Amino acid sequence: MKAALLLIAALAAAPALAADLDRTPVEALTADGQKVRLYPNGRWEFVDVAKAAEAQKVAAEYPENKTRPVESQGIVIGGFGRYVMPGDKDYNRGSLNPKLR
């Protein structure tokens, strides 16, 4: 019984403990001596604003960072399919199945 009560108390306290986590970035140096900020979620960025802007430009050119616009619908898998933007006649038209219309 006591073990169950301790388990319940631990589970109830978990959200409060998670809210108290320190999520501030940590300043660090790379192997070649450049200052960076390390974030708890694994993201990092240069401390120098000019280097950070240059790194964002380079990162924007990678295909995996070229995602679909937020307001579009649809998906492209392996080069097939398309993105449907607002204003297109096919935007938000629903299912083509007549039973579902």
C-alpha atoms as a PDB file:
ATOM      1  CA  MET A   1       0.000   0.000   0.000  1.00  0.00           C
ATOM      2  CA  LYS A   2       2.814   2.399   0.923  1.00  0.00           C
ATOM      3  CA  ALA A   3       4.601   1.635  -2.347  1.00  0.00           C
ATOM      4  CA  ALA A   4       1.459   2.482  -4.308  1.00  0.00           C
ATOM      5  CA  LEU A   5       1.063   5.777  -2.447  1.00  0.00           C
ATOM      6  CA  LEU A   6       4.701   6.661  -3.108  1.00  0.00           C
ATOM      7  CA  LEU A   7       4.254   5.851  -6.792  1.00  0.00           C
ATOM      8  CA  ILE A   8       1.128   8.023  -6.997  1.00  0.00           C
ATOM      9  CA  ALA A   9       2.926  10.879  -5.239  1.00  0.00           C
ATOM     10  CA  ALA A  10       5.893  10.591  -7.613  1.00  0.00           C
ATOM     11  CA  LEU A  11       3.630  10.625 -10.670  1.00  0.00           C
ATOM     12  CA  ALA A  12       1.726  13.635  -9.334  1.00  0.00           C
ATOM     13  CA  ALA A  13       4.952  15.557  -8.717  1.00  0.00           C
ATOM     14  CA  ALA A  14       6.478  14.823 -12.139  1.00  0.00           C
ATOM     15  CA  PRO A  15       4.779  17.699 -14.046  1.00  0.00           C
ATOM     16  CA  ALA A  16       5.817  20.181 -11.372  1.00  0.00           C
ATOM     17  CA  LEU A  17       9.412  18.977 -11.569  1.00  0.00           C
ATOM     18  CA  ALA A  18       9.418  19.201 -15.361  1.00  0.00           C
ATOM     19  CA  ALA A  19       8.151  22.789 -15.196  1.00  0.00           C
ATOM     20  CA  ASP A  20      11.158  23.720 -13.061  1.00  0.00           C
ATOM     21  CA  LEU A  21      13.741  22.502 -15.589  1.00  0.00           C
ATOM     22  CA  ASP A  22      16.311  25.073 -16.658  1.00  0.00           C
ATOM     23  CA  ARG A  23      15.814  25.618 -20.390  1.00  0.00           C
ATOM     24  CA  THR A  24      18.335  28.427 -20.841  1.00  0.00           C
ATOM     25  CA  PRO A  25      21.004  27.875 -23.505  1.00  0.00           C
ATOM     26  CA  VAL A  26      24.564  27.043 -22.539  1.00  0.00           C
ATOM     27  CA  GLU A  27      27.465  29.027 -24.013  1.00  0.00           C
ATOM     28  CA  ALA A  28      30.175  26.750 -25.451  1.00  0.00           C
ATOM     29  CA  LEU A  29      33.162  26.755 -27.810  1.00  0.00           C
ATOM     30  CA  THR A  30      33.516  24.625 -30.924  1.00  0.00           C
ATOM     31  CA  ALA A  31      36.697  22.655 -31.638  1.00  0.00           C
ATOM     32  CA  ASP A  32      38.015  25.593 -33.674  1.00  0.00           C
ATOM     33  CA  GLY A  33      37.185  28.136 -30.943  1.00  0.00           C
ATOM     34  CA  GLN A  34      33.916  29.681 -32.201  1.00  0.00           C
ATOM     35  CA  LYS A  35      31.350  30.648 -29.570  1.00  0.00           C
ATOM     36  CA  VAL A  36      27.974  28.892 -29.835  1.00  0.00           C
ATOM     37  CA  ARG A  37      24.786  28.516 -27.774  1.00  0.00           C
ATOM     38  CA  LEU A  38      23.599  24.991 -27.045  1.00  0.00           C
ATOM     39  CA  TYR A  39      19.869  24.572 -26.395  1.00  0.00           C
ATOM     40  CA  PRO A  40      18.335  21.711 -24.360  1.00  0.00           C
ATOM     41  CA  ASN A  41      16.375  20.463 -27.385  1.00  0.00           C
ATOM     42  CA  GLY A  42      19.616  19.800 -29.318  1.00  0.00           C
ATOM     43  CA  ARG A  43      19.530  22.946 -31.443  1.00  0.00           C
ATOM     44  CA  TRP A  44      22.568  25.227 -31.512  1.00  0.00           C
ATOM     45  CA  GLU A  45      23.472  28.591 -33.011  1.00  0.00           C
ATOM     46  CA  PHE A  46      26.463  30.893 -33.308  1.00  0.00           C
ATOM     47  CA  VAL A  47      26.721  33.680 -30.731  1.00  0.00           C
ATOM     48  CA  ASP A  48      28.082  36.062 -33.399  1.00  0.00           C
ATOM     49  CA  VAL A  49      25.073  37.527 -35.232  1.00  0.00           C
ATOM     50  CA  ALA A  50      26.861  37.730 -38.596  1.00  0.00           C
ATOM     51  CA  LYS A  51      27.967  34.091 -38.447  1.00  0.00           C
ATOM     52  CA  ALA A  52      24.470  33.037 -37.355  1.00  0.00           C
ATOM     53  CA  ALA A  53      22.888  34.834 -40.342  1.00  0.00           C
ATOM     54  CA  GLU A  54      25.413  33.254 -42.727  1.00  0.00           C
ATOM     55  CA  ALA A  55      24.748  29.801 -41.251  1.00  0.00           C
ATOM     56  CA  GLN A  56      20.981  30.275 -41.713  1.00  0.00           C
ATOM     57  CA  LYS A  57      21.512  31.121 -45.389  1.00  0.00           C
ATOM     58  CA  VAL A  58      23.625  27.991 -45.889  1.00  0.00           C
ATOM     59  CA  ALA A  59      21.117  25.815 -43.987  1.00  0.00           C
ATOM     60  CA  ALA A  60      18.226  27.142 -46.105  1.00  0.00           C
ATOM     61  CA  GLU A  61      19.870  25.648 -49.211  1.00  0.00           C
ATOM     62  CA  TYR A  62      19.771  22.059 -47.928  1.00  0.00           C
ATOM     63  CA  PRO A  63      16.836  20.062 -49.405  1.00  0.00           C
ATOM     64  CA  GLU A  64      15.760  18.694 -46.023  1.00  0.00           C
ATOM     65  CA  ASN A  65      15.213  22.270 -44.812  1.00  0.00           C
ATOM     66  CA  LYS A  66      13.047  23.228 -47.788  1.00  0.00           C
ATOM     67  CA  THR A  67       9.663  22.286 -46.381  1.00  0.00           C
ATOM     68  CA  ARG A  68       6.268  23.037 -47.767  1.00  0.00           C
ATOM     69  CA  PRO A  69       4.700  26.402 -46.931  1.00  0.00           C
ATOM     70  CA  VAL A  70       2.568  26.292 -43.782  1.00  0.00           C
ATOM     71  CA  GLU A  71      -0.586  27.454 -45.544  1.00  0.00           C
ATOM     72  CA  SER A  72      -0.400  24.809 -48.297  1.00  0.00           C
ATOM     73  CA  GLN A  73      -2.165  21.465 -48.443  1.00  0.00           C
ATOM     74  CA  GLY A  74      -1.002  18.212 -49.976  1.00  0.00           C
ATOM     75  CA  ILE A  75       2.208  16.265 -49.938  1.00  0.00           C
ATOM     76  CA  VAL A  76       5.026  15.370 -52.279  1.00  0.00           C
ATOM     77  CA  ILE A  77       6.392  11.842 -51.838  1.00  0.00           C
ATOM     78  CA  GLY A  78       9.320  10.839 -53.995  1.00  0.00           C
ATOM     79  CA  GLY A  79       8.612  13.650 -56.433  1.00  0.00           C
ATOM     80  CA  PHE A  80       4.930  12.699 -56.915  1.00  0.00           C
ATOM     81  CA  GLY A  81       2.086  14.865 -55.763  1.00  0.00           C
ATOM     82  CA  ARG A  82       1.869  18.615 -55.333  1.00  0.00           C
ATOM     83  CA  TYR A  83       1.317  21.370 -52.853  1.00  0.00           C
ATOM     84  CA  VAL A  84      -2.032  23.133 -53.141  1.00  0.00           C
ATOM     85  CA  MET A  85      -1.833  26.794 -52.149  1.00  0.00           C
ATOM     86  CA  PRO A  86      -4.736  28.986 -50.981  1.00  0.00           C
ATOM     87  CA  GLY A  87      -6.572  30.431 -53.988  1.00  0.00           C
ATOM     88  CA  ASP A  88      -6.174  27.249 -56.039  1.00  0.00           C
ATOM     89  CA  LYS A  89      -9.498  25.698 -57.146  1.00  0.00           C
ATOM     90  CA  ASP A  90      -8.471  22.425 -55.470  1.00  0.00           C
ATOM     91  CA  TYR A  91      -7.649  24.012 -52.093  1.00  0.00           C
ATOM     92  CA  ASN A  92      -9.740  22.528 -49.267  1.00  0.00           C
ATOM     93  CA  ARG A  93     -12.131  20.693 -51.602  1.00  0.00           C
ATOM     94  CA  GLY A  94     -12.444  17.625 -49.413  1.00  0.00           C
ATOM     95  CA  SER A  95     -12.652  14.013 -50.492  1.00  0.00           C
ATOM     96  CA  LEU A  96     -13.308  12.984 -54.081  1.00  0.00           C
ATOM     97  CA  ASN A  97     -15.289   9.987 -52.845  1.00  0.00           C
ATOM     98  CA  PRO A  98     -18.979  10.714 -53.658  1.00  0.00           C
ATOM     99  CA  LYS A  99     -20.090   8.699 -50.614  1.00  0.00           C
ATOM    100  CA  LEU A 100     -18.282  11.154 -48.334  1.00  0.00           C
ATOM    101  CA  ARG A 101     -19.575  14.356 -49.911  1.00  0.00           C
END
